Amino acid sequence: MNRRRFLASGATFGAALAAGHAPALGQARIAQQARPVWDSWMAAYLRSDGRVVDTLQQEASHSEGQGYGMLAATMFEDEAAFRLMYRWTEQQLALRPDALLAWRWLPGQANAVPDRNNASDGDLFYAWALVRAAARFNDRSYLTRAAEIAQALASSCIVPMPGASDKLVFLPAAFGFRHDTHMSVNPSYYMPLAMRDVAAATGVSALAACAQHGEVLLEEIARDGLVPDWVDISERGVTVSEALSQNAGYEAMRVPLFLIWSRLQQHMAVRRMASVYERSLQPGREAPTVVEPLSGVVLETSADPGYQALAGLVVCSAGQGLGALIPPFSADQPYYPATLQLFTMFAATETMPECVPL
């Protein structure tokens, strides 16, 4: 690793954040000045055929990762990288009879896509990336594809809430999460800004309604503690998951990030997580990654800078906006924290430029 290069990249992004207070005015400047960060991310996680690789997950590729990468490409105004990822995704994951994507592609397998179920968060970010690309790269064909995905999500993954049919639930997939007595829901799949942007661009209003109901759901969950990775929803209301992770871990950490990005910094779920990070976030100290939701006891930590960056932004959002403990970007970390670090930078750029890296 060229440490000097990565330190410079992080400092450059911080300077770009400080300069780009208005997203519309600062976006081009940020895309140009922070290009070394994007180049580093692509060199580490993007293959030449357009496949985003999660090295900790069997070198697999996921619809989520493709959507994340394509969204980042629009932020850095990299049309070539966007088209590369889009082409691979359409060829390898757009295999279902509807407009949604198969959730995972496995290398070295005779059948690279053994499970054609979708992942609704991957579909949502894919559609959001297409919406942004349609505007950024002036190509309305992307908007047509985004509308197909939005309509399929509304048909297959947005359903009435048990016991409250006037509210909508965002299911994790078309199949496998509706049970006889309850639904299994992943709170981190709610990204209000993405849902509203896609709804506005495509006219699929169910996504906007789902965003509103999701914010209320997250508020309800956060009244009792941290938002966990999974919950069950039944006629009795929202309860801890019977079969899936009950901790606030690697999934749930996205909840405060997505709320901040959606300009909901004062949401209870953000404030809850900020209180945990405030107790432990110090320069050079590992960031919490798995926390017991009711007690706030930290169960796991990580030194990966992506998790530290996310924690730094969350703490800054709850404070006086005097800068965030966001470390320089490094590709010497797994794909997931590296991508969360990019998203932390984007969220700060668009909603909280006062939270520049200290």
Protein backbone atom coordinates (compact mmCIF):
# COMPACT_ATOMS: atom_id res chain seq x y z
CA MET A 1 0.00 0.00 0.00
CA ASN A 2 1.17 3.54 -0.79
CA ARG A 3 0.28 5.00 2.60
CA ARG A 4 1.12 8.54 1.53
CA ARG A 5 -1.31 8.29 -1.34
CA PHE A 6 -4.17 7.08 0.87
CA LEU A 7 -3.54 9.75 3.50
CA ALA A 8 -3.59 12.37 0.78
CA SER A 9 -6.80 10.93 -0.64
CA GLY A 10 -8.55 11.20 2.71
CA ALA A 11 -7.34 14.74 3.24
CA THR A 12 -8.46 15.71 -0.27
CA PHE A 13 -11.95 14.40 0.34
CA GLY A 14 -12.10 16.37 3.56
CA ALA A 15 -11.08 19.53 1.74
CA ALA A 16 -13.67 18.86 -0.94
CA LEU A 17 -16.35 18.44 1.70
CA ALA A 18 -15.38 21.72 3.27
CA ALA A 19 -15.56 23.49 -0.08
CA GLY A 20 -18.76 21.88 -1.35
CA HIS A 21 -21.45 23.15 1.02
CA ALA A 22 -24.17 23.04 -1.64
CA PRO A 23 -24.43 19.57 -3.22
CA ALA A 24 -25.39 20.90 -6.66
CA LEU A 25 -22.46 23.32 -6.71
CA GLY A 26 -19.91 21.13 -4.99
CA GLN A 27 -20.55 17.79 -6.69
CA ALA A 28 -18.32 18.29 -9.72
CA ARG A 29 -15.51 19.67 -7.57
CA ILE A 30 -15.76 16.76 -5.15
CA ALA A 31 -15.85 14.22 -7.99
CA GLN A 32 -12.65 15.68 -9.40
CA GLN A 33 -10.71 16.29 -6.19
CA ALA A 34 -11.63 12.98 -4.57
CA ARG A 35 -10.98 10.87 -7.67
CA PRO A 36 -8.01 9.06 -6.02
CA VAL A 37 -10.43 7.64 -3.44
CA TRP A 38 -12.67 6.24 -6.18
CA ASP A 39 -9.71 4.88 -8.13
CA SER A 40 -8.52 3.08 -5.00
CA TRP A 41 -11.96 1.57 -4.39
CA MET A 42 -12.24 0.34 -7.97
CA ALA A 43 -8.74 -1.14 -7.97
CA ALA A 44 -9.57 -3.17 -4.87
CA TYR A 45 -13.15 -4.30 -5.43
CA LEU A 46 -14.15 -3.88 -9.09
CA ARG A 47 -13.10 -6.49 -11.63
CA SER A 48 -12.43 -5.64 -15.27
CA ASP A 49 -15.73 -7.21 -16.37
CA GLY A 50 -17.80 -4.95 -14.09
CA ARG A 51 -18.23 -7.34 -11.18
CA VAL A 52 -18.03 -5.90 -7.65
CA VAL A 53 -16.38 -8.51 -5.44
CA ASP A 54 -16.86 -9.18 -1.74
CA THR A 55 -13.68 -11.04 -0.87
CA LEU A 56 -14.97 -12.10 2.56
CA GLN A 57 -18.06 -13.73 1.04
CA GLN A 58 -16.56 -16.44 -1.19
CA GLU A 59 -15.45 -13.79 -3.73
CA ALA A 60 -19.15 -13.49 -4.49
CA SER A 61 -20.97 -10.62 -6.11
CA HIS A 62 -24.36 -9.39 -4.96
CA SER A 63 -27.09 -7.18 -6.35
CA GLU A 64 -26.44 -4.92 -3.36
CA GLY A 65 -22.77 -4.53 -4.26
CA GLN A 66 -23.57 -3.81 -7.90
CA GLY A 67 -26.08 -1.18 -6.88
CA TYR A 68 -23.68 0.34 -4.37
CA GLY A 69 -20.90 0.49 -6.93
CA MET A 70 -23.10 1.98 -9.63
CA LEU A 71 -24.38 4.62 -7.22
CA ALA A 72 -20.81 5.53 -6.31
CA ALA A 73 -19.95 5.79 -10.01
CA THR A 74 -22.67 8.41 -10.44
CA MET A 75 -21.31 10.36 -7.46
CA PHE A 76 -17.83 10.39 -8.99
CA GLU A 77 -19.28 11.09 -12.45
CA ASP A 78 -17.65 7.97 -13.89
CA GLU A 79 -19.90 6.94 -16.73
CA ALA A 80 -17.52 4.28 -18.04
CA ALA A 81 -17.42 2.45 -14.70
CA PHE A 82 -21.19 2.76 -14.37
CA ARG A 83 -21.79 1.22 -17.78
CA LEU A 84 -19.34 -1.60 -17.02
CA MET A 85 -21.13 -2.56 -13.80
CA TYR A 86 -24.56 -2.12 -15.37
CA ARG A 87 -23.75 -4.40 -18.30
CA TRP A 88 -22.39 -7.16 -16.04
CA THR A 89 -25.40 -6.97 -13.73
CA GLU A 90 -27.92 -7.13 -16.54
CA GLN A 91 -26.13 -10.10 -18.09
CA GLN A 92 -25.52 -12.10 -14.91
CA LEU A 93 -28.23 -11.18 -12.36
CA ALA A 94 -31.25 -10.07 -14.41
CA LEU A 95 -32.43 -13.67 -14.72
CA ARG A 96 -35.82 -13.59 -13.04
CA PRO A 97 -39.18 -13.51 -14.86
CA ASP A 98 -39.85 -10.13 -13.25
CA ALA A 99 -37.66 -7.01 -13.36
CA LEU A 100 -35.81 -7.74 -10.11
CA LEU A 101 -32.29 -9.13 -9.75
CA ALA A 102 -31.07 -12.45 -8.40
CA TRP A 103 -29.32 -11.58 -5.17
CA ARG A 104 -25.98 -13.41 -5.52
CA TRP A 105 -23.48 -14.66 -8.12
CA LEU A 106 -20.87 -17.25 -7.11
CA PRO A 107 -17.59 -17.59 -9.05
CA GLY A 108 -16.19 -20.97 -10.03
CA GLN A 109 -19.58 -22.69 -9.95
CA ALA A 110 -21.29 -24.61 -12.73
CA ASN A 111 -24.42 -22.74 -11.71
CA ALA A 112 -23.27 -19.29 -10.62
CA VAL A 113 -26.78 -18.27 -9.54
CA PRO A 114 -28.30 -21.23 -7.69
CA ASP A 115 -30.82 -19.04 -5.84
CA ARG A 116 -32.85 -16.63 -7.96
CA ASN A 117 -34.59 -14.95 -5.06
CA ASN A 118 -33.98 -11.22 -4.93
CA ALA A 119 -32.72 -8.87 -2.20
CA SER A 120 -34.97 -5.83 -2.06
CA ASP A 121 -32.25 -3.48 -0.79
CA GLY A 122 -30.05 -4.46 -3.71
CA ASP A 123 -32.91 -3.78 -6.12
CA LEU A 124 -33.63 -0.44 -4.44
CA PHE A 125 -30.04 0.79 -4.68
CA TYR A 126 -29.79 -0.49 -8.24
CA ALA A 127 -32.89 1.49 -9.19
CA TRP A 128 -31.61 4.55 -7.32
CA ALA A 129 -28.30 4.36 -9.15
CA LEU A 130 -30.17 4.17 -12.46
CA VAL A 131 -32.29 7.21 -11.54
CA ARG A 132 -29.19 9.22 -10.71
CA ALA A 133 -27.40 7.99 -13.83
CA ALA A 134 -30.31 9.02 -16.05
CA ALA A 135 -29.85 12.60 -14.86
CA ARG A 136 -26.06 12.59 -14.49
CA PHE A 137 -25.31 10.97 -17.85
CA ASN A 138 -28.39 12.19 -19.75
CA ASP A 139 -29.65 8.72 -20.69
CA ARG A 140 -33.37 8.13 -20.19
CA SER A 141 -33.06 4.40 -20.87
CA TYR A 142 -31.76 4.08 -17.32
CA LEU A 143 -34.97 5.66 -16.05
CA THR A 144 -37.04 3.13 -17.97
CA ARG A 145 -35.17 0.27 -16.30
CA ALA A 146 -35.50 1.93 -12.89
CA ALA A 147 -39.27 2.19 -13.35
CA GLU A 148 -39.50 -1.52 -14.15
CA ILE A 149 -37.64 -2.36 -10.95
CA ALA A 150 -39.71 0.05 -8.86
CA GLN A 151 -42.95 -1.45 -10.14
CA ALA A 152 -41.72 -4.98 -9.44
CA LEU A 153 -40.67 -4.01 -5.91
CA ALA A 154 -44.11 -2.54 -5.29
CA SER A 155 -45.74 -5.73 -6.55
CA SER A 156 -43.54 -8.28 -4.78
CA CYS A 157 -41.87 -6.69 -1.75
CA ILE A 158 -44.16 -3.93 -0.46
CA VAL A 159 -47.06 -5.38 1.50
CA PRO A 160 -49.58 -4.26 4.15
CA MET A 161 -48.34 -4.40 7.72
CA PRO A 162 -49.97 -7.12 9.86
CA GLY A 163 -52.49 -5.50 12.18
CA ALA A 164 -52.22 -2.14 10.39
CA SER A 165 -53.25 -2.59 6.78
CA ASP A 166 -53.02 1.16 6.13
CA LYS A 167 -49.23 0.94 6.60
CA LEU A 168 -46.72 -0.72 4.30
CA VAL A 169 -43.79 -3.03 5.02
CA PHE A 170 -40.67 -3.44 2.89
CA LEU A 171 -39.96 -7.17 2.72
CA PRO A 172 -36.33 -8.30 2.30
CA ALA A 173 -37.24 -10.40 -0.74
CA ALA A 174 -40.16 -11.64 -2.77
CA PHE A 175 -40.00 -15.05 -1.08
CA GLY A 176 -38.97 -16.50 2.25
CA PHE A 177 -39.82 -13.79 4.77
CA ARG A 178 -43.59 -14.16 5.13
CA HIS A 179 -44.44 -16.81 7.69
CA ASP A 180 -47.68 -18.17 9.10
CA THR A 181 -47.55 -15.96 12.19
CA HIS A 182 -45.27 -13.06 11.25
CA MET A 183 -43.01 -11.33 8.75
CA SER A 184 -39.23 -11.07 9.12
CA VAL A 185 -38.01 -7.55 8.33
CA ASN A 186 -34.54 -6.06 8.05
CA PRO A 187 -34.72 -2.40 9.21
CA SER A 188 -31.55 -1.48 7.32
CA TYR A 189 -33.29 -2.18 4.01
CA TYR A 190 -35.24 1.05 4.49
CA MET A 191 -33.36 3.88 2.79
CA PRO A 192 -35.87 6.77 2.80
CA LEU A 193 -33.95 9.04 0.42
CA ALA A 194 -33.53 6.29 -2.16
CA MET A 195 -37.18 5.29 -1.87
CA ARG A 196 -38.39 8.86 -2.34
CA ASP A 197 -36.01 9.63 -5.20
CA VAL A 198 -37.03 6.50 -7.08
CA ALA A 199 -40.72 7.16 -6.41
CA ALA A 200 -40.44 10.74 -7.66
CA ALA A 201 -38.58 9.73 -10.82
CA THR A 202 -40.73 6.71 -11.72
CA GLY A 203 -44.16 7.57 -10.35
CA VAL A 204 -44.28 4.42 -8.19
CA SER A 205 -45.78 6.12 -5.15
CA ALA A 206 -45.79 2.97 -3.00
CA LEU A 207 -42.06 3.47 -2.46
CA ALA A 208 -42.58 6.96 -1.03
CA ALA A 209 -45.35 5.70 1.24
CA CYS A 210 -43.11 2.84 2.34
CA ALA A 211 -40.37 5.33 3.19
CA GLN A 212 -42.74 7.30 5.40
CA HIS A 213 -44.05 4.20 7.15
CA GLY A 214 -40.49 2.89 7.52
CA GLU A 215 -39.40 6.04 9.34
CA VAL A 216 -42.27 5.55 11.79
CA LEU A 217 -41.39 1.88 12.21
CA LEU A 218 -37.75 2.70 12.96
CA GLU A 219 -38.85 5.34 15.48
CA GLU A 220 -41.05 2.77 17.22
CA ILE A 221 -38.23 0.24 17.40
CA ALA A 222 -35.76 2.85 18.67
CA ARG A 223 -37.98 3.82 21.59
CA ASP A 224 -36.81 0.70 23.40
CA GLY A 225 -33.16 0.67 22.34
CA LEU A 226 -30.91 0.34 19.32
CA VAL A 227 -32.44 -0.81 16.06
CA PRO A 228 -31.40 -4.47 15.60
CA ASP A 229 -30.42 -6.33 12.46
CA TRP A 230 -33.81 -8.07 12.22
CA VAL A 231 -37.28 -7.81 13.73
CA ASP A 232 -40.50 -9.77 13.43
CA ILE A 233 -43.79 -8.03 12.67
CA SER A 234 -47.09 -9.71 13.47
CA GLU A 235 -50.62 -8.87 14.57
CA ARG A 236 -49.09 -8.33 18.03
CA GLY A 237 -46.75 -5.65 16.75
CA VAL A 238 -42.96 -5.49 16.39
CA THR A 239 -40.90 -8.00 18.37
CA VAL A 240 -37.34 -9.31 18.44
CA SER A 241 -36.53 -11.77 15.70
CA GLU A 242 -37.10 -15.42 16.54
CA ALA A 243 -34.65 -16.84 14.00
CA LEU A 244 -32.28 -14.07 12.88
CA SER A 245 -29.81 -11.69 14.51
CA GLN A 246 -31.23 -9.76 17.45
CA ASN A 247 -28.14 -7.58 17.87
CA ALA A 248 -27.42 -4.20 16.34
CA GLY A 249 -24.65 -5.42 14.09
CA TYR A 250 -23.25 -5.23 10.60
CA GLU A 251 -26.70 -4.85 9.03
CA ALA A 252 -28.22 -2.37 11.47
CA MET A 253 -25.23 -0.03 11.40
CA ARG A 254 -26.56 1.21 8.06
CA VAL A 255 -29.75 2.52 9.67
CA PRO A 256 -28.30 5.74 11.15
CA LEU A 257 -26.18 6.30 8.04
CA PHE A 258 -29.17 6.05 5.73
CA LEU A 259 -31.28 8.29 7.98
CA ILE A 260 -28.57 10.96 8.08
CA TRP A 261 -28.23 10.75 4.30
CA SER A 262 -32.02 11.24 4.16
CA ARG A 263 -31.70 14.43 6.26
CA LEU A 264 -33.23 12.77 9.32
CA GLN A 265 -30.35 13.46 11.70
CA GLN A 266 -32.69 13.94 14.67
CA HIS A 267 -34.39 10.56 14.24
CA MET A 268 -34.44 8.51 17.44
CA ALA A 269 -32.56 5.66 15.75
CA VAL A 270 -29.66 8.03 14.97
CA ARG A 271 -29.58 9.46 18.48
CA ARG A 272 -29.60 5.98 20.02
CA MET A 273 -26.60 4.85 18.00
CA ALA A 274 -24.80 8.14 18.55
CA SER A 275 -24.94 7.57 22.30
CA VAL A 276 -23.09 4.26 21.88
CA TYR A 277 -20.48 5.66 19.53
CA GLU A 278 -19.88 8.72 21.73
CA ARG A 279 -18.76 6.48 24.59
CA SER A 280 -16.14 4.65 22.57
CA LEU A 281 -15.10 6.73 19.55
CA GLN A 282 -11.54 7.98 19.93
CA PRO A 283 -8.68 8.37 17.44
CA GLY A 284 -6.92 5.04 17.00
CA ARG A 285 -9.57 3.10 18.89
CA GLU A 286 -11.64 0.36 17.28
CA ALA A 287 -15.25 1.20 16.44
CA PRO A 288 -18.21 -0.83 17.74
CA THR A 289 -19.65 -3.16 15.12
CA VAL A 290 -21.99 -5.41 17.13
CA VAL A 291 -23.94 -4.04 20.10
CA GLU A 292 -26.62 -5.51 22.37
CA PRO A 293 -29.65 -3.32 21.61
CA LEU A 294 -31.19 -2.90 25.06
CA SER A 295 -28.10 -2.58 27.25
CA GLY A 296 -25.82 -0.89 24.71
CA VAL A 297 -23.02 -3.30 25.62
CA VAL A 298 -20.46 -3.51 22.81
CA LEU A 299 -19.94 -7.13 21.73
CA GLU A 300 -17.56 -6.69 18.79
CA THR A 301 -15.28 -3.94 17.47
CA SER A 302 -13.23 -3.37 14.33
CA ALA A 303 -10.24 -1.26 13.35
CA ASP A 304 -11.43 -0.98 9.74
CA PRO A 305 -11.60 2.74 8.89
CA GLY A 306 -14.99 2.39 7.22
CA TYR A 307 -16.66 1.54 10.50
CA GLN A 308 -14.76 4.33 12.25
CA ALA A 309 -15.89 6.78 9.56
CA LEU A 310 -19.54 5.79 9.93
CA ALA A 311 -19.32 6.17 13.71
CA GLY A 312 -17.63 9.54 13.33
CA LEU A 313 -20.42 10.90 11.15
CA VAL A 314 -23.14 9.61 13.48
CA VAL A 315 -21.48 11.26 16.48
CA CYS A 316 -21.02 14.51 14.56
CA SER A 317 -24.70 14.51 13.55
CA ALA A 318 -25.70 14.51 17.21
CA GLY A 319 -23.23 17.23 18.22
CA GLN A 320 -22.36 20.76 17.22
CA GLY A 321 -20.99 20.03 13.76
CA LEU A 322 -17.38 20.80 14.65
CA GLY A 323 -15.91 18.09 12.45
CA ALA A 324 -16.03 14.32 12.47
CA LEU A 325 -13.51 11.66 13.42
CA ILE A 326 -13.49 10.24 9.89
CA PRO A 327 -10.16 8.58 9.07
CA PRO A 328 -8.52 8.73 5.62
CA PHE A 329 -9.91 6.27 3.11
CA SER A 330 -7.98 3.05 2.66
CA ALA A 331 -8.57 0.09 0.39
CA ASP A 332 -6.69 -2.08 2.90
CA GLN A 333 -10.01 -3.16 4.38
CA PRO A 334 -12.81 -5.46 3.22
CA TYR A 335 -15.29 -4.36 0.58
CA TYR A 336 -18.15 -3.70 3.02
CA PRO A 337 -16.50 -1.18 5.39
CA ALA A 338 -14.74 0.46 2.44
CA THR A 339 -18.08 1.00 0.72
CA LEU A 340 -19.69 2.26 3.92
CA GLN A 341 -16.83 4.75 4.11
CA LEU A 342 -17.65 6.02 0.62
CA PHE A 343 -21.31 6.33 1.63
CA THR A 344 -20.34 8.19 4.79
CA MET A 345 -18.47 10.68 2.61
CA PHE A 346 -21.46 11.03 0.29
CA ALA A 347 -23.89 11.54 3.18
CA ALA A 348 -21.68 14.24 4.68
CA THR A 349 -21.28 15.91 1.29
CA GLU A 350 -25.00 16.04 0.60
CA THR A 351 -26.42 16.71 4.06
CA MET A 352 -23.76 17.65 6.64
CA PRO A 353 -20.73 19.36 5.08
CA GLU A 354 -19.93 20.75 8.54
CA CYS A 355 -18.96 17.19 9.50
CA VAL A 356 -15.71 17.34 7.57
CA PRO A 357 -12.99 14.92 8.69
CA LEU A 358 -10.92 16.29 11.55
